[in-house]
Protein backbone atom coordinates (compact mmCIF):
# COMPACT_ATOMS: atom_id res chain seq x y z
CA MET A 1 87.81 111.52 84.05
CA ALA A 2 84.38 109.01 84.22
CA VAL A 3 84.81 106.48 87.00
CA ASN A 4 82.57 104.24 88.10
CA PRO A 5 81.24 103.49 90.20
CA ASP A 6 78.31 106.12 91.21
CA LEU A 7 79.45 107.44 94.71
CA ASN A 8 76.03 109.23 94.89
CA THR A 9 74.23 106.14 95.35
CA GLN A 10 76.17 104.75 98.06
CA ALA A 11 76.74 104.99 101.73
CA PHE A 12 78.66 102.37 103.97
CA PHE A 13 76.16 102.33 106.53
CA HIS A 14 72.40 102.97 107.49
CA GLN A 15 71.46 103.61 111.12
CA SER A 16 68.50 101.57 112.56
CA ALA A 17 65.35 102.69 114.90
CA ASP A 18 67.48 102.20 117.79
CA GLY A 19 71.04 103.88 116.38
CA ALA A 20 73.15 100.74 115.36
CA PHE A 21 74.87 100.88 112.15
CA VAL A 22 73.90 98.49 109.89
CA GLY A 23 75.95 97.60 106.89
CA ASN A 24 75.31 98.22 103.49
CA ASP A 25 76.81 96.36 100.34
CA PRO A 26 79.89 98.58 100.31
CA ALA A 27 80.54 98.14 103.94
CA ARG A 28 81.27 94.19 102.72
CA GLY A 29 85.13 92.99 103.60
CA PRO A 30 86.41 90.43 101.11
CA TRP A 31 87.09 87.64 103.53
CA SER A 32 83.51 86.83 104.63
CA GLU A 33 80.26 88.02 103.20
CA ASP A 34 78.77 88.50 106.82
CA HIS A 35 81.55 91.23 107.89
CA CYS A 36 82.43 94.34 107.57
CA HIS A 37 85.89 95.94 105.88
CA ALA A 38 87.53 97.36 108.86
CA GLY A 39 88.05 101.15 107.05
CA PRO A 40 84.21 101.98 107.31
CA VAL A 41 83.90 100.69 110.95
CA SER A 42 87.46 102.90 111.84
CA GLY A 43 85.24 105.87 109.80
CA LEU A 44 82.39 105.41 112.62
CA ILE A 45 84.88 105.11 115.11
CA VAL A 46 86.66 108.46 114.41
CA ARG A 47 82.96 110.16 113.80
CA ALA A 48 81.99 108.70 117.30
CA ALA A 49 85.18 110.52 119.19
CA GLU A 50 85.28 113.63 116.48
CA THR A 51 81.93 114.07 118.29
CA GLU A 52 82.93 113.46 121.85
CA VAL A 53 85.74 116.07 121.57
CA GLY A 54 84.51 118.64 119.30
CA PRO A 55 86.08 120.80 116.28
CA GLU A 56 88.36 122.44 118.12
CA LYS A 57 91.15 119.77 118.03
CA MET A 58 91.77 117.68 115.51
CA LEU A 59 92.19 114.20 115.33
CA THR A 60 95.70 113.36 115.11
CA ARG A 61 96.49 109.65 116.18
CA LEU A 62 93.72 106.51 115.63
CA THR A 63 94.95 103.37 116.87
CA VAL A 64 92.13 100.33 116.49
CA ASP A 65 92.35 96.83 117.61
CA LEU A 66 90.67 94.55 116.10
CA LEU A 67 89.06 91.73 118.34
CA ARG A 68 86.49 90.07 116.58
CA PRO A 69 84.56 90.07 112.99
CA LEU A 70 82.52 92.92 112.64
CA PRO A 71 79.39 91.77 111.77
CA LEU A 72 77.23 93.85 108.78
CA THR A 73 73.86 92.66 110.76
CA GLY A 74 74.69 96.05 113.18
CA LEU A 75 77.37 97.67 115.34
CA ARG A 76 76.90 100.27 118.20
CA VAL A 77 79.87 102.73 118.67
CA ALA A 78 80.35 104.29 121.90
CA ALA A 79 83.05 107.52 122.74
CA GLU A 80 84.20 108.55 126.04
CA THR A 81 86.74 111.55 126.81
CA THR A 82 90.03 110.03 128.53
CA ARG A 83 91.60 113.27 129.01
CA HIS A 84 90.89 116.87 127.81
CA THR A 85 93.72 119.97 128.13
CA LYS A 86 93.65 123.04 126.22
CA THR A 87 96.59 121.07 124.52
CA LEU A 88 95.12 117.73 123.90
CA ALA A 89 92.26 115.45 124.01
CA THR A 90 92.28 111.60 124.25
CA THR A 91 89.22 108.81 123.65
CA ARG A 92 88.56 105.76 124.20
CA VAL A 93 86.20 104.05 121.98
CA THR A 94 84.54 100.77 121.60
CA VAL A 95 82.44 98.85 119.09
CA HIS A 96 79.91 96.28 119.80
CA ASP A 97 77.69 94.16 118.28
CA LEU A 98 73.64 93.61 118.83
CA ASP A 99 74.28 90.66 121.20
CA ASP A 100 76.42 93.00 123.20
CA THR A 101 79.76 91.51 122.14
CA LEU A 102 82.84 93.80 122.07
CA CYS A 103 84.20 93.32 118.80
CA ALA A 104 86.73 96.05 118.40
CA THR A 105 88.13 99.27 120.86
CA ALA A 106 90.11 102.30 119.95
CA THR A 107 91.88 105.20 120.98
CA THR A 108 92.10 108.90 119.46
CA MET A 109 94.78 111.38 120.06
CA HIS A 110 93.33 115.12 119.34
CA LEU A 111 95.23 118.63 119.22
CA ALA A 112 94.35 122.19 119.65
CA ARG A 113 94.35 123.72 116.06
CA ARG A 114 96.40 126.84 116.49
CA ASN A 115 97.44 129.18 113.53
CA LEU A 116 101.42 129.72 113.24
CA GLY A 117 101.33 131.23 109.85
CA GLN A 118 104.06 129.95 108.08
CA VAL A 119 106.54 127.14 109.47
CA PRO A 120 109.46 125.09 107.82
CA ASN A 121 108.41 122.11 106.07
CA VAL A 122 109.49 119.30 103.94
CA THR A 123 106.88 118.67 101.39
CA LEU A 124 106.10 115.29 99.53
CA PRO A 125 104.41 116.09 96.45
CA PRO A 126 101.34 113.75 95.85
CA PRO A 127 101.58 110.73 93.30
CA GLY A 128 100.64 111.78 89.27
CA LEU A 129 96.58 112.16 89.30
CA ASP A 130 96.08 114.29 86.15
CA ASP A 131 97.27 111.54 83.42
CA ALA A 132 96.18 108.59 86.40
CA VAL A 133 94.23 105.74 84.52
CA VAL A 134 91.43 103.58 85.56
CA GLY A 135 92.30 100.08 86.96
CA PRO A 136 90.79 96.96 89.12
CA PHE A 137 90.45 97.18 92.76
CA PRO A 138 93.84 96.39 93.98
CA ILE A 139 92.94 92.80 95.23
CA GLY A 140 91.18 90.88 92.79
CA GLU A 141 89.70 88.16 94.44
CA THR A 142 87.69 87.80 97.42
CA ARG A 143 86.63 84.83 99.47
CA HIS A 144 82.49 85.09 98.56
CA SER A 145 80.73 86.23 95.49
CA LEU A 146 78.33 89.00 96.93
CA PRO A 147 79.27 93.00 95.75
CA GLY A 148 81.54 94.75 99.15
CA PHE A 149 83.95 97.02 99.18
CA ALA A 150 86.14 96.31 96.46
CA ASN A 151 83.02 97.28 93.84
CA CYS A 152 81.71 100.29 95.41
CA ALA A 153 85.47 102.05 95.65
CA GLN A 154 86.77 104.22 92.33
CA VAL A 155 90.29 103.41 91.76
CA LEU A 156 92.84 104.74 89.50
CA TYR A 157 96.59 104.19 89.30
CA PRO A 158 99.28 106.76 88.49
CA LYS A 159 100.43 105.99 84.75
CA GLY A 160 102.72 103.37 84.29
CA GLY A 161 102.17 102.36 87.88
CA ASN A 162 102.78 98.73 89.14
CA GLN A 163 99.25 97.17 89.22
CA GLY A 164 100.71 93.28 90.27
CA SER A 165 101.59 92.02 93.41
CA GLY A 166 104.47 94.09 95.34
CA PRO A 167 104.36 97.58 96.67
CA LYS A 168 101.90 100.01 94.79
CA THR A 169 100.33 103.46 94.66
CA VAL A 170 96.69 104.08 93.85
CA TRP A 171 94.28 106.66 94.18
CA MET A 172 90.97 105.77 95.59
CA ARG A 173 87.33 107.65 96.64
CA THR A 174 84.74 105.47 98.45
CA PRO A 175 80.50 106.26 99.47
CA PRO A 176 80.28 108.33 102.45
CA LEU A 177 79.97 106.68 105.69
CA LEU A 178 75.87 107.86 105.99
CA LYS A 179 73.80 108.92 103.20
CA ASP A 180 73.10 112.72 103.51
CA GLU A 181 75.78 113.29 106.28
CA ALA A 182 78.48 115.39 105.48
CA GLN A 183 82.00 113.30 107.12
CA SER A 184 84.93 115.07 108.07
CA PRO A 185 87.79 114.72 106.15
CA ILE A 186 89.31 112.26 108.61
CA GLN A 187 86.06 110.36 108.23
CA ALA A 188 86.79 109.63 104.71
CA LEU A 189 90.57 108.81 104.87
CA CYS A 190 89.94 105.78 107.10
CA PRO A 191 88.55 103.17 104.27
CA LEU A 192 91.81 103.88 102.17
CA ALA A 193 93.90 104.05 105.71
CA ASP A 194 92.99 100.40 106.06
CA CYS A 195 93.50 99.01 102.64
CA GLY A 196 97.41 99.22 102.90
CA ASN A 197 97.65 95.28 102.87
CA GLY A 198 94.92 95.03 100.10
CA ILE A 199 97.07 96.95 98.14
CA SER A 200 100.60 96.17 98.43
CA TRP A 201 99.81 92.18 98.41
CA ASN A 202 102.59 90.14 98.23
CA ALA A 203 100.27 87.23 96.42
CA PRO A 204 97.00 86.81 95.39
CA THR A 205 94.22 85.70 98.28
CA THR A 206 94.09 82.65 96.33
CA GLU A 207 97.55 82.05 97.70
CA MET A 208 97.48 83.58 101.07
CA GLY A 209 95.34 85.57 102.64
CA PHE A 210 96.31 88.39 104.78
CA MET A 211 94.11 89.81 107.46
CA ASN A 212 94.81 93.06 109.45
CA THR A 213 94.30 93.14 113.34
CA ASP A 214 94.58 96.41 113.98
CA LEU A 215 94.83 100.03 112.33
CA THR A 216 97.16 102.98 113.09
CA VAL A 217 96.82 106.51 111.35
CA GLN A 218 98.91 109.36 112.36
CA ILE A 219 97.62 112.54 110.44
CA HIS A 220 99.30 115.56 110.26
CA ARG A 221 97.03 117.67 108.17
CA GLU A 222 93.70 117.14 107.39
CA PRO A 223 93.02 116.09 103.80
CA THR A 224 91.38 118.56 101.30
CA SER A 225 90.20 116.74 98.05
CA ASP A 226 87.96 113.98 97.25
CA TRP A 227 90.71 111.64 95.77
CA LEU A 228 93.12 110.22 98.30
CA ALA A 229 96.13 108.40 97.78
CA SER A 230 98.23 105.37 99.30
CA ASP A 231 101.56 104.71 98.40
CA SER A 232 101.95 101.04 100.29
CA VAL A 233 104.40 98.23 101.13
CA CYS A 234 103.36 95.08 102.84
CA HIS A 235 106.36 93.01 105.02
CA TRP A 236 105.46 89.28 105.00
CA GLN A 237 107.34 86.82 107.36
CA PRO A 238 107.40 83.03 107.56
CA SER A 239 106.47 83.56 111.06
CA GLY A 240 102.96 84.20 109.54
CA ILE A 241 103.28 87.69 111.09
CA GLY A 242 102.93 90.53 108.36
CA MET A 243 103.16 94.12 108.37
CA SER A 244 101.64 97.18 106.04
CA GLN A 245 102.86 100.70 105.97
CA SER A 246 101.73 103.44 103.65
CA VAL A 247 102.09 106.70 103.30
CA LEU A 248 98.34 108.65 102.54
CA TYR A 249 98.28 111.95 100.26
CA ASP A 250 95.33 114.28 99.10
CA THR A 251 95.89 116.09 95.77
CA LYS A 252 98.21 118.38 97.83
CA GLY A 253 100.83 116.26 99.34
CA ALA A 254 101.02 113.74 102.37
CA VAL A 255 98.79 113.84 104.49
CA ALA A 256 98.91 110.94 106.75
CA THR A 257 101.13 107.63 107.46
CA ALA A 258 99.11 104.35 108.17
CA LEU A 259 100.18 100.92 109.94
CA GLN A 260 98.36 97.42 109.84
CA THR A 261 99.50 94.43 111.76
CA LEU A 262 98.54 91.57 109.85
CA VAL A 263 98.13 88.25 110.08
CA LEU A 264 99.12 85.69 107.33
CA PHE A 265 96.99 82.42 106.59
CA PRO A 266 97.39 79.91 103.48
CA PRO A 267 94.22 78.57 101.93
CA ARG A 268 92.15 76.28 103.07
């Protein structure tokens, strides 16, 4: 299944000499040529939280509040443990720009890994991948002309699936956070998790903007495949407030649910 672009030559970020994360083209969001897509930044937040807590516990919830635009020119990410017991750990993560302005805050929950053997469960099978077809990135337009996230993701649609407005399902692969660094499964999930509003828009960006102010991801299993899918729907209201909700899959089945609160804004 040949799908462009080539992810082996790309990464969302590189680090400056002082440790700041500087955005590369794939990190650029659709709304401004100067700011990051929040998905890759959420991956950096998970990276900091997982490093802080350690691998003995699995990250099961991420909540990110997006306070200001996230500049491509550089971000500093710091995590601190707020609780740590045998069963669980929680962290608080902050994202500042190079002027030390607070751009985002996040909290995470991590639960101890146990081995219970077989347990009763409900299985949600994944969307079809074997016969999936190459298609465009779900957002067909951006509000700038520079390369960004949409140009640097590999996208497939289940055969016969919706590629227009409204609820839809896509498979996606994205670049790693950092070149030459292995990312964790949940770090790899974050870029797709933040795409719910861009996947299931109800009108194109030329008619309505739909920017998210937060992201919450609830994870019950770490994904095990490179290809990840999102089955997403957006709810838009006349109040200018909306929400997207997504079920996220790997090739074995459902792994997480993602929610975004949306601000709707007509074109200028």
